[in-house]
């Protein structure tokens, strides 16, 4: 198993959808939300700071799906899995 800490900026168009749960569950990952900000006014994008756990292949697949959905990803280069 591998672990990767990543910060995600989720576009506001996904605010009413279970984007994180759907993508990460479909890729068979466990995730721990370390921090999050989702404003109630729906005028801004939201962000999550998450710890992903799974196989390197599953983590890579989940990150690709998130990128395809226009989610910005930030991770520390030292946090490679």
PDB file of N, CA and C in Angstrom:
ATOM      1  N   UNK A   1       0.841  -1.184   0.000  1.00  0.00           N
ATOM      2  CA  UNK A   1       0.000   0.000   0.000  1.00  0.00           C
ATOM      3  C   UNK A   1       0.882   1.242   0.000  1.00  0.00           C
ATOM      4  N   UNK A   2       0.385   2.254  -0.648  1.00  0.00           N
ATOM      5  CA  UNK A   2       1.093   3.529  -0.725  1.00  0.00           C
ATOM      6  C   UNK A   2       0.206   4.625  -0.141  1.00  0.00           C
ATOM      7  N   UNK A   3       0.841   5.710   0.270  1.00  0.00           N
ATOM      8  CA  UNK A   3       0.117   6.850   0.827  1.00  0.00           C
ATOM      9  C   UNK A   3       0.624   8.120   0.159  1.00  0.00           C
ATOM     10  N   UNK A   4      -0.293   9.019  -0.172  1.00  0.00           N
ATOM     11  CA  UNK A   4       0.069  10.298  -0.775  1.00  0.00           C
ATOM     12  C   UNK A   4      -0.810  11.389  -0.182  1.00  0.00           C
ATOM     13  N   UNK A   5      -0.174  12.455   0.280  1.00  0.00           N
ATOM     14  CA  UNK A   5      -0.920  13.630   0.744  1.00  0.00           C
ATOM     15  C   UNK A   5      -1.053  14.580  -0.438  1.00  0.00           C
ATOM     16  N   UNK A   6      -2.261  15.022  -0.690  1.00  0.00           N
ATOM     17  CA  UNK A   6      -2.506  15.906  -1.825  1.00  0.00           C
ATOM     18  C   UNK A   6      -3.553  16.948  -1.432  1.00  0.00           C
ATOM     19  N   UNK A   7      -3.395  18.132  -1.992  1.00  0.00           N
ATOM     20  CA  UNK A   7      -4.365  19.202  -1.789  1.00  0.00           C
ATOM     21  C   UNK A   7      -5.129  19.378  -3.098  1.00  0.00           C
ATOM     22  N   UNK A   8      -6.433  19.485  -2.990  1.00  0.00           N
ATOM     23  CA  UNK A   8      -7.294  19.534  -4.162  1.00  0.00           C
ATOM     24  C   UNK A   8      -8.125  20.805  -4.154  1.00  0.00           C
ATOM     25  N   UNK A   9      -8.187  21.481  -5.280  1.00  0.00           N
ATOM     26  CA  UNK A   9      -9.113  22.602  -5.420  1.00  0.00           C
ATOM     27  C   UNK A   9     -10.249  22.117  -6.303  1.00  0.00           C
ATOM     28  N   UNK A  10     -11.436  22.033  -5.721  1.00  0.00           N
ATOM     29  CA  UNK A  10     -12.597  21.481  -6.401  1.00  0.00           C
ATOM     30  C   UNK A  10     -13.437  22.625  -6.972  1.00  0.00           C
ATOM     31  N   UNK A  11     -13.699  22.605  -8.297  1.00  0.00           N
ATOM     32  CA  UNK A  11     -14.516  23.662  -8.897  1.00  0.00           C
ATOM     33  C   UNK A  11     -15.911  23.727  -8.273  1.00  0.00           C
ATOM     34  N   UNK A  12     -16.441  24.936  -8.187  1.00  0.00           N
ATOM     35  CA  UNK A  12     -17.740  25.128  -7.534  1.00  0.00           C
ATOM     36  C   UNK A  12     -18.861  24.373  -8.233  1.00  0.00           C
ATOM     37  N   UNK A  13     -18.690  24.008  -9.497  1.00  0.00           N
ATOM     38  CA  UNK A  13     -19.749  23.271 -10.195  1.00  0.00           C
ATOM     39  C   UNK A  13     -19.978  21.878  -9.597  1.00  0.00           C
ATOM     40  N   UNK A  14     -19.040  21.397  -8.783  1.00  0.00           N
ATOM     41  CA  UNK A  14     -19.186  20.083  -8.143  1.00  0.00           C
ATOM     42  C   UNK A  14     -19.681  20.178  -6.704  1.00  0.00           C
ATOM     43  N   UNK A  15     -20.081  21.334  -6.255  1.00  0.00           N
ATOM     44  CA  UNK A  15     -20.446  21.525  -4.846  1.00  0.00           C
ATOM     45  C   UNK A  15     -21.583  20.635  -4.384  1.00  0.00           C
ATOM     46  N   UNK A  16     -22.541  20.359  -5.247  1.00  0.00           N
ATOM     47  CA  UNK A  16     -23.699  19.557  -4.859  1.00  0.00           C
ATOM     48  C   UNK A  16     -23.552  18.089  -5.249  1.00  0.00           C
ATOM     49  N   UNK A  17     -22.336  17.680  -5.583  1.00  0.00           N
ATOM     50  CA  UNK A  17     -22.099  16.305  -6.012  1.00  0.00           C
ATOM     51  C   UNK A  17     -21.066  15.654  -5.092  1.00  0.00           C
ATOM     52  N   UNK A  18     -21.181  14.354  -4.875  1.00  0.00           N
ATOM     53  CA  UNK A  18     -20.208  13.646  -4.028  1.00  0.00           C
ATOM     54  C   UNK A  18     -18.949  13.268  -4.809  1.00  0.00           C
ATOM     55  N   UNK A  19     -18.324  14.264  -5.419  1.00  0.00           N
ATOM     56  CA  UNK A  19     -17.172  14.035  -6.292  1.00  0.00           C
ATOM     57  C   UNK A  19     -16.070  13.234  -5.616  1.00  0.00           C
ATOM     58  N   UNK A  20     -15.626  13.685  -4.465  1.00  0.00           N
ATOM     59  CA  UNK A  20     -14.506  13.018  -3.789  1.00  0.00           C
ATOM     60  C   UNK A  20     -14.846  11.572  -3.456  1.00  0.00           C
ATOM     61  N   UNK A  21     -15.977  11.351  -2.856  1.00  0.00           N
ATOM     62  CA  UNK A  21     -16.367   9.999  -2.479  1.00  0.00           C
ATOM     63  C   UNK A  21     -16.518   9.090  -3.676  1.00  0.00           C
ATOM     64  N   UNK A  22     -17.159   9.581  -4.741  1.00  0.00           N
ATOM     65  CA  UNK A  22     -17.366   8.764  -5.936  1.00  0.00           C
ATOM     66  C   UNK A  22     -16.050   8.367  -6.593  1.00  0.00           C
ATOM     67  N   UNK A  23     -15.183   9.346  -6.815  1.00  0.00           N
ATOM     68  CA  UNK A  23     -13.914   9.071  -7.506  1.00  0.00           C
ATOM     69  C   UNK A  23     -13.022   8.160  -6.672  1.00  0.00           C
ATOM     70  N   UNK A  24     -12.869   8.482  -5.411  1.00  0.00           N
ATOM     71  CA  UNK A  24     -11.952   7.709  -4.584  1.00  0.00           C
ATOM     72  C   UNK A  24     -12.489   6.313  -4.300  1.00  0.00           C
ATOM     73  N   UNK A  25     -13.792   6.162  -4.156  1.00  0.00           N
ATOM     74  CA  UNK A  25     -14.365   4.832  -3.942  1.00  0.00           C
ATOM     75  C   UNK A  25     -14.258   3.989  -5.208  1.00  0.00           C
ATOM     76  N   UNK A  26     -14.463   4.602  -6.378  1.00  0.00           N
ATOM     77  CA  UNK A  26     -14.387   3.839  -7.629  1.00  0.00           C
ATOM     78  C   UNK A  26     -12.963   3.364  -7.903  1.00  0.00           C
ATOM     79  N   UNK A  27     -11.985   4.053  -7.347  1.00  0.00           N
ATOM     80  CA  UNK A  27     -10.581   3.652  -7.516  1.00  0.00           C
ATOM     81  C   UNK A  27     -10.091   2.836  -6.324  1.00  0.00           C
ATOM     82  N   UNK A  28     -10.985   2.434  -5.455  1.00  0.00           N
ATOM     83  CA  UNK A  28     -10.679   1.580  -4.306  1.00  0.00           C
ATOM     84  C   UNK A  28      -9.614   2.183  -3.390  1.00  0.00           C
ATOM     85  N   UNK A  29      -9.761   3.463  -3.100  1.00  0.00           N
ATOM     86  CA  UNK A  29      -8.823   4.135  -2.206  1.00  0.00           C
ATOM     87  C   UNK A  29      -9.474   4.417  -0.867  1.00  0.00           C
ATOM     88  N   UNK A  30      -8.656   4.457   0.147  1.00  0.00           N
ATOM     89  CA  UNK A  30      -9.079   4.978   1.435  1.00  0.00           C
ATOM     90  C   UNK A  30      -8.591   6.418   1.473  1.00  0.00           C
ATOM     91  N   UNK A  31      -9.365   7.289   2.096  1.00  0.00           N
ATOM     92  CA  UNK A  31      -8.893   8.662   2.203  1.00  0.00           C
ATOM     93  C   UNK A  31      -9.261   9.233   3.552  1.00  0.00           C
ATOM     94  N   UNK A  32      -8.378  10.083   4.023  1.00  0.00           N
ATOM     95  CA  UNK A  32      -8.572  10.779   5.286  1.00  0.00           C
ATOM     96  C   UNK A  32      -8.523  12.271   4.979  1.00  0.00           C
ATOM     97  N   UNK A  33      -9.603  12.980   5.282  1.00  0.00           N
ATOM     98  CA  UNK A  33      -9.640  14.421   5.052  1.00  0.00           C
ATOM     99  C   UNK A  33      -8.946  15.101   6.226  1.00  0.00           C
ATOM    100  N   UNK A  34      -7.819  15.736   5.944  1.00  0.00           N
ATOM    101  CA  UNK A  34      -7.036  16.417   6.975  1.00  0.00           C
ATOM    102  C   UNK A  34      -7.548  17.833   7.219  1.00  0.00           C
ATOM    103  N   UNK A  35      -8.053  18.470   6.163  1.00  0.00           N
ATOM    104  CA  UNK A  35      -8.620  19.812   6.264  1.00  0.00           C
ATOM    105  C   UNK A  35      -9.481  20.043   5.029  1.00  0.00           C
ATOM    106  N   UNK A  36     -10.421  20.966   5.140  1.00  0.00           N
ATOM    107  CA  UNK A  36     -11.276  21.294   3.999  1.00  0.00           C
ATOM    108  C   UNK A  36     -11.872  22.677   4.197  1.00  0.00           C
ATOM    109  N   UNK A  37     -12.216  23.301   3.075  1.00  0.00           N
ATOM    110  CA  UNK A  37     -12.925  24.578   3.123  1.00  0.00           C
ATOM    111  C   UNK A  37     -13.927  24.586   1.979  1.00  0.00           C
ATOM    112  N   UNK A  38     -15.193  24.651   2.330  1.00  0.00           N
ATOM    113  CA  UNK A  38     -16.262  24.740   1.343  1.00  0.00           C
ATOM    114  C   UNK A  38     -17.203  25.838   1.813  1.00  0.00           C
ATOM    115  N   UNK A  39     -17.084  26.995   1.208  1.00  0.00           N
ATOM    116  CA  UNK A  39     -17.896  28.127   1.650  1.00  0.00           C
ATOM    117  C   UNK A  39     -19.382  27.923   1.395  1.00  0.00           C
ATOM    118  N   UNK A  40     -20.216  28.390   2.293  1.00  0.00           N
ATOM    119  CA  UNK A  40     -21.656  28.200   2.162  1.00  0.00           C
ATOM    120  C   UNK A  40     -22.291  29.044   1.060  1.00  0.00           C
ATOM    121  N   UNK A  41     -21.598  30.054   0.581  1.00  0.00           N
ATOM    122  CA  UNK A  41     -22.188  30.953  -0.413  1.00  0.00           C
ATOM    123  C   UNK A  41     -22.102  30.420  -1.838  1.00  0.00           C
ATOM    124  N   UNK A  42     -21.376  29.352  -2.050  1.00  0.00           N
ATOM    125  CA  UNK A  42     -21.240  28.705  -3.359  1.00  0.00           C
ATOM    126  C   UNK A  42     -20.644  29.617  -4.435  1.00  0.00           C
ATOM    127  N   UNK A  43     -19.999  30.667  -4.038  1.00  0.00           N
ATOM    128  CA  UNK A  43     -19.385  31.587  -4.992  1.00  0.00           C
ATOM    129  C   UNK A  43     -17.928  31.238  -5.269  1.00  0.00           C
ATOM    130  N   UNK A  44     -17.355  30.367  -4.459  1.00  0.00           N
ATOM    131  CA  UNK A  44     -15.933  30.049  -4.576  1.00  0.00           C
ATOM    132  C   UNK A  44     -15.742  28.558  -4.810  1.00  0.00           C
ATOM    133  N   UNK A  45     -14.564  28.221  -5.332  1.00  0.00           N
ATOM    134  CA  UNK A  45     -14.166  26.825  -5.378  1.00  0.00           C
ATOM    135  C   UNK A  45     -13.868  26.378  -3.955  1.00  0.00           C
ATOM    136  N   UNK A  46     -13.921  25.089  -3.716  1.00  0.00           N
ATOM    137  CA  UNK A  46     -13.573  24.552  -2.410  1.00  0.00           C
ATOM    138  C   UNK A  46     -12.235  23.842  -2.478  1.00  0.00           C
ATOM    139  N   UNK A  47     -11.686  23.506  -1.344  1.00  0.00           N
ATOM    140  CA  UNK A  47     -10.435  22.752  -1.341  1.00  0.00           C
ATOM    141  C   UNK A  47     -10.449  21.708  -0.242  1.00  0.00           C
ATOM    142  N   UNK A  48      -9.687  20.655  -0.478  1.00  0.00           N
ATOM    143  CA  UNK A  48      -9.492  19.571   0.475  1.00  0.00           C
ATOM    144  C   UNK A  48      -8.003  19.314   0.618  1.00  0.00           C
ATOM    145  N   UNK A  49      -7.588  18.934   1.789  1.00  0.00           N
ATOM    146  CA  UNK A  49      -6.239  18.430   2.057  1.00  0.00           C
ATOM    147  C   UNK A  49      -6.470  16.988   2.500  1.00  0.00           C
ATOM    148  N   UNK A  50      -6.084  16.031   1.652  1.00  0.00           N
ATOM    149  CA  UNK A  50      -6.414  14.631   1.926  1.00  0.00           C
ATOM    150  C   UNK A  50      -5.179  13.746   1.900  1.00  0.00           C
ATOM    151  N   UNK A  51      -5.288  12.653   2.609  1.00  0.00           N
ATOM    152  CA  UNK A  51      -4.272  11.609   2.611  1.00  0.00           C
ATOM    153  C   UNK A  51      -4.894  10.412   1.907  1.00  0.00           C
ATOM    154  N   UNK A  52      -4.341  10.037   0.750  1.00  0.00           N
ATOM    155  CA  UNK A  52      -4.851   8.919  -0.038  1.00  0.00           C
ATOM    156  C   UNK A  52      -4.041   7.670   0.270  1.00  0.00           C
ATOM    157  N   UNK A  53      -4.716   6.541   0.425  1.00  0.00           N
ATOM    158  CA  UNK A  53      -4.040   5.277   0.682  1.00  0.00           C
ATOM    159  C   UNK A  53      -4.595   4.222  -0.263  1.00  0.00           C
ATOM    160  N   UNK A  54      -3.691   3.521  -0.943  1.00  0.00           N
ATOM    161  CA  UNK A  54      -4.074   2.470  -1.881  1.00  0.00           C
ATOM    162  C   UNK A  54      -2.850   2.026  -2.644  1.00  0.00           C
ATOM    163  N   UNK A  55      -3.064   1.287  -3.708  1.00  0.00           N
ATOM    164  CA  UNK A  55      -1.924   0.891  -4.531  1.00  0.00           C
ATOM    165  C   UNK A  55      -1.475   2.108  -5.339  1.00  0.00           C
ATOM    166  N   UNK A  56      -0.207   2.150  -5.731  1.00  0.00           N
ATOM    167  CA  UNK A  56       0.245   3.272  -6.563  1.00  0.00           C
ATOM    168  C   UNK A  56      -0.591   3.416  -7.838  1.00  0.00           C
ATOM    169  N   UNK A  57      -0.995   2.295  -8.417  1.00  0.00           N
ATOM    170  CA  UNK A  57      -1.801   2.329  -9.637  1.00  0.00           C
ATOM    171  C   UNK A  57      -3.172   2.956  -9.377  1.00  0.00           C
ATOM    172  N   UNK A  58      -3.798   2.593  -8.261  1.00  0.00           N
ATOM    173  CA  UNK A  58      -5.112   3.150  -7.932  1.00  0.00           C
ATOM    174  C   UNK A  58      -5.022   4.638  -7.606  1.00  0.00           C
ATOM    175  N   UNK A  59      -3.972   5.044  -6.914  1.00  0.00           N
ATOM    176  CA  UNK A  59      -3.789   6.470  -6.614  1.00  0.00           C
ATOM    177  C   UNK A  59      -3.590   7.251  -7.912  1.00  0.00           C
ATOM    178  N   UNK A  60      -2.765   6.729  -8.804  1.00  0.00           N
ATOM    179  CA  UNK A  60      -2.524   7.379 -10.093  1.00  0.00           C
ATOM    180  C   UNK A  60      -3.814   7.490 -10.893  1.00  0.00           C
ATOM    181  N   UNK A  61      -4.625   6.431 -10.896  1.00  0.00           N
ATOM    182  CA  UNK A  61      -5.904   6.442 -11.622  1.00  0.00           C
ATOM    183  C   UNK A  61      -6.850   7.490 -11.048  1.00  0.00           C
ATOM    184  N   UNK A  62      -6.931   7.578  -9.733  1.00  0.00           N
ATOM    185  CA  UNK A  62      -7.819   8.560  -9.095  1.00  0.00           C
ATOM    186  C   UNK A  62      -7.379   9.981  -9.423  1.00  0.00           C
ATOM    187  N   UNK A  63      -6.082  10.243  -9.390  1.00  0.00           N
ATOM    188  CA  UNK A  63      -5.579  11.580  -9.709  1.00  0.00           C
ATOM    189  C   UNK A  63      -5.886  11.945 -11.158  1.00  0.00           C
ATOM    190  N   UNK A  64      -5.800  10.967 -12.059  1.00  0.00           N
ATOM    191  CA  UNK A  64      -6.120  11.215 -13.469  1.00  0.00           C
ATOM    192  C   UNK A  64      -7.598  11.566 -13.639  1.00  0.00           C
ATOM    193  N   UNK A  65      -8.476  10.854 -12.945  1.00  0.00           N
ATOM    194  CA  UNK A  65      -9.915  11.145 -13.020  1.00  0.00           C
ATOM    195  C   UNK A  65     -10.196  12.544 -12.479  1.00  0.00           C
ATOM    196  N   UNK A  66      -9.579  12.893 -11.365  1.00  0.00           N
ATOM    197  CA  UNK A  66      -9.783  14.224 -10.792  1.00  0.00           C
ATOM    198  C   UNK A  66      -9.298  15.316 -11.747  1.00  0.00           C
ATOM    199  N   UNK A  67      -8.149  15.101 -12.377  1.00  0.00           N
ATOM    200  CA  UNK A  67      -7.643  16.087 -13.346  1.00  0.00           C
ATOM    201  C   UNK A  67      -8.609  16.227 -14.524  1.00  0.00           C
ATOM    202  N   UNK A  68      -9.160  15.093 -14.986  1.00  0.00           N
ATOM    203  CA  UNK A  68     -10.128  15.125 -16.088  1.00  0.00           C
ATOM    204  C   UNK A  68     -11.365  15.942 -15.726  1.00  0.00           C
ATOM    205  N   UNK A  69     -11.673  16.012 -14.443  1.00  0.00           N
ATOM    206  CA  UNK A  69     -12.838  16.778 -13.974  1.00  0.00           C
ATOM    207  C   UNK A  69     -12.451  18.197 -13.550  1.00  0.00           C
ATOM    208  N   UNK A  70     -11.276  18.636 -13.995  1.00  0.00           N
ATOM    209  CA  UNK A  70     -10.788  20.001 -13.782  1.00  0.00           C
ATOM    210  C   UNK A  70     -10.495  20.326 -12.323  1.00  0.00           C
ATOM    211  N   UNK A  71     -10.149  19.311 -11.537  1.00  0.00           N
ATOM    212  CA  UNK A  71      -9.746  19.521 -10.149  1.00  0.00           C
ATOM    213  C   UNK A  71      -8.254  19.821 -10.144  1.00  0.00           C
ATOM    214  N   UNK A  72      -7.863  20.948  -9.543  1.00  0.00           N
ATOM    215  CA  UNK A  72      -6.441  21.269  -9.426  1.00  0.00           C
ATOM    216  C   UNK A  72      -5.844  20.463  -8.290  1.00  0.00           C
ATOM    217  N   UNK A  73      -4.647  19.940  -8.506  1.00  0.00           N
ATOM    218  CA  UNK A  73      -3.969  19.105  -7.521  1.00  0.00           C
ATOM    219  C   UNK A  73      -2.645  19.730  -7.138  1.00  0.00           C
ATOM    220  N   UNK A  74      -2.374  19.738  -5.843  1.00  0.00           N
ATOM    221  CA  UNK A  74      -1.069  20.171  -5.341  1.00  0.00           C
ATOM    222  C   UNK A  74      -0.561  19.092  -4.403  1.00  0.00           C
ATOM    223  N   UNK A  75       0.678  18.733  -4.557  1.00  0.00           N
ATOM    224  CA  UNK A  75       1.284  17.817  -3.590  1.00  0.00           C
ATOM    225  C   UNK A  75       2.738  18.214  -3.404  1.00  0.00           C
ATOM    226  N   UNK A  76       3.288  17.823  -2.294  1.00  0.00           N
ATOM    227  CA  UNK A  76       4.688  18.083  -1.991  1.00  0.00           C
ATOM    228  C   UNK A  76       5.521  17.084  -2.787  1.00  0.00           C
ATOM    229  N   UNK A  77       6.497  17.540  -3.569  1.00  0.00           N
ATOM    230  CA  UNK A  77       7.321  16.617  -4.348  1.00  0.00           C
ATOM    231  C   UNK A  77       7.979  15.535  -3.494  1.00  0.00           C
ATOM    232  N   UNK A  78       8.177  15.805  -2.219  1.00  0.00           N
ATOM    233  CA  UNK A  78       8.780  14.803  -1.346  1.00  0.00           C
ATOM    234  C   UNK A  78       7.775  13.750  -0.901  1.00  0.00           C
ATOM    235  N   UNK A  79       6.497  13.976  -1.177  1.00  0.00           N
ATOM    236  CA  UNK A  79       5.454  13.047  -0.766  1.00  0.00           C
ATOM    237  C   UNK A  79       5.144  12.004  -1.839  1.00  0.00           C
ATOM    238  N   UNK A  80       6.121  11.641  -2.640  1.00  0.00           N
ATOM    239  CA  UNK A  80       5.875  10.636  -3.669  1.00  0.00           C
ATOM    240  C   UNK A  80       5.616   9.294  -3.019  1.00  0.00           C
ATOM    241  N   UNK A  81       4.824   8.491  -3.694  1.00  0.00           N
ATOM    242  CA  UNK A  81       4.475   7.181  -3.140  1.00  0.00           C
ATOM    243  C   UNK A  81       5.252   6.072  -3.787  1.00  0.00           C
TER     244      UNK A  81
END
